[in-house]
Protein backbone atom coordinates (compact mmCIF):
# COMPACT_ATOMS: atom_id res chain seq x y z
CA MET A 1 -16.73 47.90 40.95
CA GLY A 2 -19.44 50.26 39.86
CA LYS A 3 -23.42 51.00 40.76
CA LEU A 4 -25.85 50.98 38.82
CA ILE A 5 -27.62 54.33 39.42
CA ARG A 6 -26.20 55.52 42.25
CA ASP A 7 -22.76 57.32 42.93
CA SER A 8 -20.43 54.29 43.87
CA THR A 9 -18.85 56.09 46.58
CA ALA A 10 -21.83 56.88 48.33
CA SER A 11 -23.51 53.39 47.61
CA SER A 12 -20.54 51.27 48.73
CA THR A 13 -19.53 52.82 52.05
CA VAL A 14 -17.51 50.15 53.99
CA ILE A 15 -18.93 49.21 57.54
CA PRO A 16 -16.17 47.81 59.72
CA TRP A 17 -16.64 46.01 62.34
CA ARG A 18 -17.34 47.75 66.00
CA ASP A 19 -18.96 47.81 69.09
CA PRO A 20 -21.86 50.08 68.92
CA THR A 21 -21.88 52.24 71.91
CA ALA A 22 -22.21 55.18 70.66
CA ALA A 23 -25.92 55.28 70.09
CA PRO A 24 -28.66 55.13 72.51
CA SER A 25 -30.08 51.86 73.64
CA SER A 26 -33.22 51.08 71.78
CA ASP A 27 -35.49 47.62 72.22
CA LEU A 28 -36.57 45.41 69.63
CA VAL A 29 -39.88 44.77 68.46
CA ASP A 30 -40.97 41.20 69.28
CA ARG A 31 -40.15 38.82 66.30
CA PRO A 32 -40.29 35.07 66.23
CA LEU A 33 -36.92 33.43 67.51
CA LEU A 34 -35.14 30.76 66.27
CA PRO A 35 -33.07 28.50 68.58
CA PRO A 36 -29.12 28.94 67.88
CA PRO A 37 -28.88 26.54 64.78
CA CYS A 38 -25.08 25.64 65.38
CA PRO A 39 -22.56 24.95 67.90
CA ALA A 40 -20.63 27.94 69.99
CA SER A 41 -18.33 28.11 66.86
CA PRO A 42 -20.00 27.49 63.98
CA TRP A 43 -16.91 29.00 61.99
CA ASP A 44 -14.55 26.60 62.77
CA ASN A 45 -14.87 23.97 59.66
CA VAL A 46 -15.26 26.85 57.20
CA PRO A 47 -12.38 26.11 54.47
CA GLY A 48 -10.28 28.70 53.74
CA LEU A 49 -10.26 31.21 56.80
CA GLY A 50 -7.40 32.08 58.98
CA ASP A 51 -7.67 32.11 62.81
CA GLN A 52 -8.43 35.72 62.81
CA GLN A 53 -11.33 35.41 60.57
CA LYS A 54 -12.64 32.34 62.39
CA ARG A 55 -12.42 34.67 65.53
CA HIS A 56 -14.08 37.52 64.20
CA LEU A 57 -17.01 35.47 62.25
CA THR A 58 -17.60 33.58 65.64
CA ARG A 59 -17.87 36.49 67.87
CA LEU A 60 -20.42 38.14 65.01
CA TYR A 61 -22.52 34.69 65.44
CA THR A 62 -22.63 34.86 69.18
CA LYS A 63 -23.31 38.22 69.93
CA GLY A 64 -25.32 38.93 66.73
CA LEU A 65 -25.97 42.07 64.41
CA LEU A 66 -28.68 44.54 64.32
CA TRP A 67 -30.20 45.50 61.30
CA LYS A 68 -32.40 48.69 61.48
CA HIS A 69 -35.17 49.39 59.00
CA PRO A 70 -33.95 52.98 56.86
CA LYS A 71 -37.56 54.41 57.46
CA ASP A 72 -39.65 52.31 59.87
CA LYS A 73 -37.63 52.54 63.36
CA ASN A 74 -40.10 49.98 64.94
CA LEU A 75 -37.97 47.17 62.44
CA ASN A 76 -35.35 46.34 64.33
CA ILE A 77 -34.04 42.73 63.77
CA VAL A 78 -31.16 40.84 65.58
CA PHE A 79 -29.44 38.08 63.15
CA ARG A 80 -26.78 35.63 63.67
CA LEU A 81 -24.75 34.69 60.40
CA ILE A 82 -23.83 30.99 59.11
CA HIS A 83 -22.07 29.84 56.44
CA GLY A 84 -24.25 28.34 53.98
CA GLY A 85 -21.71 25.79 52.53
CA GLN A 86 -19.61 25.94 49.28
CA VAL A 87 -20.95 26.93 45.82
CA ASP A 88 -19.21 25.82 42.45
CA GLY A 89 -16.70 28.39 41.14
CA ASP A 90 -18.17 28.38 37.83
CA GLY A 91 -19.04 32.23 37.11
CA ASN A 92 -22.73 31.64 38.80
CA CYS A 93 -21.79 31.53 41.80
CA LEU A 94 -23.36 35.18 43.15
CA PHE A 95 -26.93 33.79 41.74
CA THR A 96 -26.26 30.11 43.59
CA ALA A 97 -25.31 31.62 46.79
CA THR A 98 -28.23 34.27 46.03
CA ARG A 99 -31.06 31.64 46.04
CA LYS A 100 -29.49 29.57 48.84
CA SER A 101 -29.12 32.44 50.90
CA MET A 102 -32.97 33.64 50.25
CA GLY A 103 -34.26 30.31 50.30
CA LEU A 104 -35.60 30.85 46.81
CA ASP A 105 -37.03 27.78 44.64
CA VAL A 106 -35.48 29.18 41.49
CA THR A 107 -32.57 28.28 39.59
CA PRO A 108 -29.48 30.44 39.33
CA ARG A 109 -30.32 30.95 35.33
CA GLU A 110 -33.54 32.16 36.30
CA LEU A 111 -32.41 34.66 38.91
CA ARG A 112 -29.67 35.81 36.14
CA MET A 113 -32.34 36.41 33.89
CA ARG A 114 -34.48 38.13 36.42
CA THR A 115 -31.14 40.33 37.28
CA VAL A 116 -30.73 41.53 33.50
CA LYS A 117 -34.56 42.08 32.94
CA ARG A 118 -34.48 44.37 35.87
CA PHE A 119 -31.39 46.20 34.71
CA LEU A 120 -32.87 46.76 31.54
CA GLN A 121 -36.14 48.07 32.84
CA ASP A 122 -34.71 50.70 35.06
CA LEU A 123 -32.05 51.82 32.53
CA GLY A 124 -34.86 52.53 30.17
CA SER A 125 -36.53 54.70 32.29
CA ALA A 126 -33.13 56.45 33.23
CA ASP A 127 -32.59 60.01 32.18
CA ASP A 128 -29.50 60.77 29.98
CA GLN A 129 -27.18 61.77 32.58
CA THR A 130 -27.64 58.52 34.52
CA LYS A 131 -27.16 56.49 31.57
CA GLY A 132 -24.16 58.30 30.93
CA SER A 133 -22.66 57.30 34.62
CA ILE A 134 -24.09 53.77 34.22
CA ASP A 135 -21.42 53.70 30.76
CA LEU A 136 -18.67 55.03 32.65
CA ALA A 137 -18.77 52.38 35.55
CA ILE A 138 -19.16 49.80 33.49
CA ARG A 139 -16.35 50.62 30.95
CA HIS A 140 -13.90 51.07 33.84
CA MET A 141 -15.11 47.35 34.87
CA TYR A 142 -14.66 45.70 31.64
CA SER A 143 -13.31 48.07 29.04
CA PRO A 144 -10.60 49.70 30.90
CA ASP A 145 -8.42 52.61 29.78
CA LEU A 146 -5.00 50.95 29.17
CA LYS A 147 -3.04 54.11 29.73
CA SER A 148 -3.77 54.35 32.90
CA GLY A 149 -4.66 52.81 36.12
CA TRP A 150 -1.58 50.81 37.06
CA GLY A 151 -0.58 52.66 39.88
CA LEU A 152 -3.21 50.13 41.44
CA HIS A 153 -3.32 47.34 39.52
CA VAL A 154 -0.94 44.85 38.03
CA LEU A 155 -3.37 43.32 35.67
CA GLN A 156 -6.27 44.94 33.77
CA GLU A 157 -8.78 42.81 31.66
CA VAL A 158 -10.93 43.62 28.79
CA LYS A 159 -14.25 41.82 27.99
CA LEU A 160 -15.21 41.11 24.59
CA LEU A 161 -18.59 39.14 23.38
CA ALA A 162 -18.15 36.84 20.36
CA ARG A 163 -20.68 35.05 18.56
CA LYS A 164 -20.63 31.33 18.63
CA GLN A 165 -21.66 31.45 14.97
CA ASP A 166 -18.95 33.64 14.21
CA ARG A 167 -16.15 31.39 15.29
CA GLU A 168 -15.05 29.51 12.21
CA GLY A 169 -14.58 33.05 10.40
CA ILE A 170 -12.68 34.29 13.45
CA ASP A 171 -10.60 31.34 13.61
CA SER A 172 -9.68 31.79 10.01
CA ALA A 173 -8.75 35.19 10.23
CA ILE A 174 -6.60 34.40 13.29
CA ASP A 175 -4.95 31.93 10.87
CA ASP A 176 -4.40 34.19 8.18
CA LEU A 177 -2.68 36.63 9.93
CA VAL A 178 -0.31 34.07 11.89
CA GLN A 179 0.72 32.48 8.38
CA ILE A 180 2.31 35.84 7.33
CA GLY A 181 4.30 35.81 10.58
CA VAL A 182 1.84 37.78 13.38
CA GLN A 183 2.27 36.36 16.68
CA ARG A 184 -1.04 33.97 17.91
CA GLU A 185 -1.90 36.40 20.78
CA LEU A 186 -1.25 39.29 18.73
CA ALA A 187 -3.53 38.07 16.01
CA ALA A 188 -6.03 36.78 18.29
CA GLU A 189 -6.20 40.44 19.66
CA SER A 190 -6.34 42.06 16.59
CA ILE A 191 -9.54 39.74 15.40
CA TYR A 192 -11.53 39.67 18.31
CA LYS A 193 -11.43 43.58 18.84
CA GLU A 194 -12.47 43.49 15.40
CA ARG A 195 -15.41 41.40 15.00
CA SER A 196 -16.45 41.13 18.73
CA ILE A 197 -18.64 43.46 20.77
CA ALA A 198 -16.78 45.22 23.59
CA VAL A 199 -18.56 45.21 27.60
CA GLU A 200 -18.95 49.46 27.53
CA ASP A 201 -22.46 50.19 28.36
CA GLY A 202 -25.80 49.20 29.55
CA PRO A 203 -27.20 46.89 26.41
CA SER A 204 -23.67 45.35 26.07
CA TRP A 205 -23.42 44.57 29.71
CA ALA A 206 -26.74 43.10 29.60
CA LYS A 207 -25.62 40.65 26.71
CA TYR A 208 -22.96 40.06 29.29
CA MET A 209 -24.49 39.47 32.17
CA SER A 210 -27.18 36.36 30.55
CA ILE A 211 -24.05 34.43 29.66
CA SER A 212 -24.33 31.34 32.18
CA GLY A 213 -21.81 28.93 30.50
CA SER A 214 -24.44 27.35 28.34
CA SER A 215 -24.00 25.99 25.24
CA ASP A 216 -27.31 27.28 23.67
CA GLU A 217 -26.16 30.80 24.34
CA GLU A 218 -25.71 33.68 21.43
CA TYR A 219 -22.27 34.67 22.82
CA ASP A 220 -19.25 33.50 24.32
CA ILE A 221 -16.90 35.61 26.41
CA ILE A 222 -13.55 36.57 25.61
CA ASN A 223 -11.15 37.95 27.96
CA MET A 224 -7.71 39.57 27.59
CA GLN A 225 -5.56 40.50 30.21
CA TYR A 226 -2.83 43.24 30.00
CA THR A 227 -0.05 44.47 31.83
CA GLU A 228 1.68 47.98 31.70
CA ASP A 229 3.98 46.53 28.89
CA GLY A 230 1.17 45.22 26.87
CA LEU A 231 -1.19 41.92 26.22
CA LEU A 232 -0.11 39.39 28.24
CA THR A 233 -2.95 36.26 27.56
CA VAL A 234 -5.88 36.29 25.44
CA ASP A 235 -8.50 33.69 27.13
CA GLU A 236 -10.62 32.61 23.52
CA ASN A 237 -13.04 30.37 25.77
CA ARG A 238 -13.32 27.44 23.20
CA ASP A 239 -15.60 25.42 25.21
CA GLY A 240 -17.97 28.26 25.59
CA HIS A 241 -18.26 27.36 29.16
CA SER A 242 -17.45 30.67 30.67
CA ALA A 243 -19.69 32.37 32.85
CA ALA A 244 -20.07 36.38 33.37
CA PHE A 245 -19.41 36.68 37.01
CA GLY A 246 -21.88 38.83 39.07
CA ASP A 247 -20.73 42.23 40.02
CA ASP A 248 -21.96 45.30 41.73
CA ILE A 249 -24.45 46.19 39.23
CA ALA A 250 -25.94 42.75 39.13
CA ILE A 251 -26.20 42.69 43.41
CA GLU A 252 -27.98 46.02 43.25
CA CYS A 253 -30.60 45.14 40.89
CA LEU A 254 -31.17 42.28 42.91
CA ALA A 255 -31.70 44.41 45.86
CA THR A 256 -34.21 46.23 43.90
CA GLU A 257 -36.01 42.95 42.40
CA PHE A 258 -36.71 41.54 45.94
CA LYS A 259 -36.69 45.11 47.58
CA ARG A 260 -34.09 44.02 50.17
CA GLU A 261 -30.74 45.46 50.84
CA ILE A 262 -27.87 42.76 50.49
CA PHE A 263 -24.80 42.73 52.50
CA VAL A 264 -21.54 41.42 51.43
CA VAL A 265 -19.73 40.14 54.25
CA GLN A 266 -15.87 40.06 53.12
CA ALA A 267 -13.31 38.48 55.14
CA HIS A 268 -9.49 39.33 55.00
CA GLY A 269 -6.82 37.33 55.94
CA SER A 270 -3.33 38.45 57.74
CA ASP A 271 -1.55 38.81 54.47
CA ALA A 272 -3.94 41.38 53.67
CA MET A 273 -2.09 43.74 55.83
CA VAL A 274 -5.43 44.43 58.04
CA ASP A 275 -5.49 43.79 62.16
CA GLU A 276 -7.77 41.71 63.54
CA GLU A 277 -10.68 44.44 64.32
CA ASN A 278 -10.63 45.42 60.40
CA CYS A 279 -10.90 41.94 58.89
CA VAL A 280 -14.41 41.92 58.39
CA PHE A 281 -16.23 44.06 56.63
CA PHE A 282 -20.25 44.83 55.58
CA LEU A 283 -20.64 46.28 52.25
CA PRO A 284 -23.99 47.03 51.82
CA HIS A 285 -25.78 47.09 48.54
CA HIS A 286 -29.29 49.14 48.58
CA PRO A 287 -32.19 48.58 46.46
CA ARG A 288 -33.48 51.82 44.34
CA SER A 289 -37.12 51.20 45.52
CA GLU A 290 -38.42 50.95 48.70
CA ILE A 291 -37.44 48.33 51.42
CA CYS A 292 -40.21 45.72 51.90
CA GLU A 293 -38.26 42.71 53.32
CA PRO A 294 -35.23 42.12 55.83
CA PRO A 295 -31.83 42.06 54.39
CA PHE A 296 -29.56 39.26 53.36
CA PHE A 297 -26.46 38.27 53.45
CA LEU A 298 -23.29 37.10 50.96
CA PHE A 299 -20.14 36.01 52.11
CA MET A 300 -16.67 36.69 50.20
CA LYS A 301 -13.26 34.88 51.84
CA GLY A 302 -9.51 35.83 50.88
CA THR A 303 -6.10 35.83 52.25
CA GLY A 304 -5.37 38.89 50.31
CA TRP A 305 -6.27 42.41 49.40
CA CYS A 306 -5.77 41.61 45.43
CA GLY A 307 -7.85 38.10 45.69
CA ALA A 308 -9.90 38.95 48.51
CA GLY A 309 -12.87 36.70 47.39
CA ALA A 310 -12.24 36.40 44.00
CA ASP A 311 -15.47 37.49 43.08
CA HIS A 312 -16.63 34.40 44.54
CA TYR A 313 -19.71 34.56 46.61
CA GLU A 314 -20.99 31.89 48.93
CA PRO A 315 -24.43 31.82 50.68
CA LEU A 316 -24.50 33.00 54.44
CA ILE A 317 -27.89 31.67 56.36
CA ALA A 318 -29.19 34.68 58.57
CA HIS A 319 -30.96 33.20 61.45
CA ARG A 320 -33.33 35.64 63.26
CA SER A 321 -32.06 36.09 66.99
CA MET A 322 -33.28 36.93 70.43
CA ALA A 323 -34.10 40.88 71.02
CA LEU A 324 -31.21 42.71 72.70
CA SER A 325 -30.43 45.91 73.19
CA GLN A 326 -28.11 47.95 70.83
CA GLU A 327 -25.26 48.13 73.29
CA LYS A 328 -25.16 44.33 73.29
CA VAL A 329 -24.50 43.27 69.52
CA ALA A 330 -21.27 43.16 67.96
CA LEU A 331 -22.08 45.23 65.36
CA VAL A 332 -25.17 47.67 63.88
CA LEU A 333 -26.16 47.90 60.41
CA ASN A 334 -27.93 51.39 59.75
């Protein structure tokens, strides 16, 4: 997945779990403290986690993690993270989880639209080179080149946007092709590509990311899955309830909107072929503006690399902890 304005490699650095002993000790500034919100093993009852994941996440909670403000060297905070509960896997999970992680009194739909508005504002002020990079990242995610990329993925997906008001005409055109002997899936592929909008640039991404699965929205999401041999399935989303899943671009827009770093905590299981020391990763998303507030955290869990998290986000509640020296925490977020 890509980033909005930064180079995706530079802004998606994976921070592995480590014991931070290399850097010198530094005391933390005084902060209001909260009592431990949970028992000693707060992750034991979180569903979908393996034993090694629970051990690592419990260690993170017990020892805490240290966040350092990138510029204000006096602003160092230790957090303990606990799971914030399940959220519906309806495509709106990024915004639902963000709302709960931040304690916001807004709806997921409102957060989604603030994200899109921020994206369009930043896109409007970007230079041509930056806009080209944005379009390229979006095409890689939603309109990939089906002649390449098969060394990494078994499946590739193409996203299209069909106007709800055009459904009747689209169905009629598909039926016409079926009547002359065209296979139904191939007929649907042909007509949707002809009459729908491909998600391949900034403006089309904004239309796509605005979709929350409501019946009063202008577009329906059409999803086509391909293997190296060709078309596999066409999901026509006939009930119109599919929502646009949040991606890295949306997370960076949220970070910019709230002027806070967002760390996505990914926990991978044993069948992801990683050892226990590397089963938890922190993926940072930085705002394109100044950082005015401490970070917040989102959670993704999975049992393998292919479906790790499956783009499903859950909230993490960050409790500010007692001050510790850098050597005593489980992780330092720089």
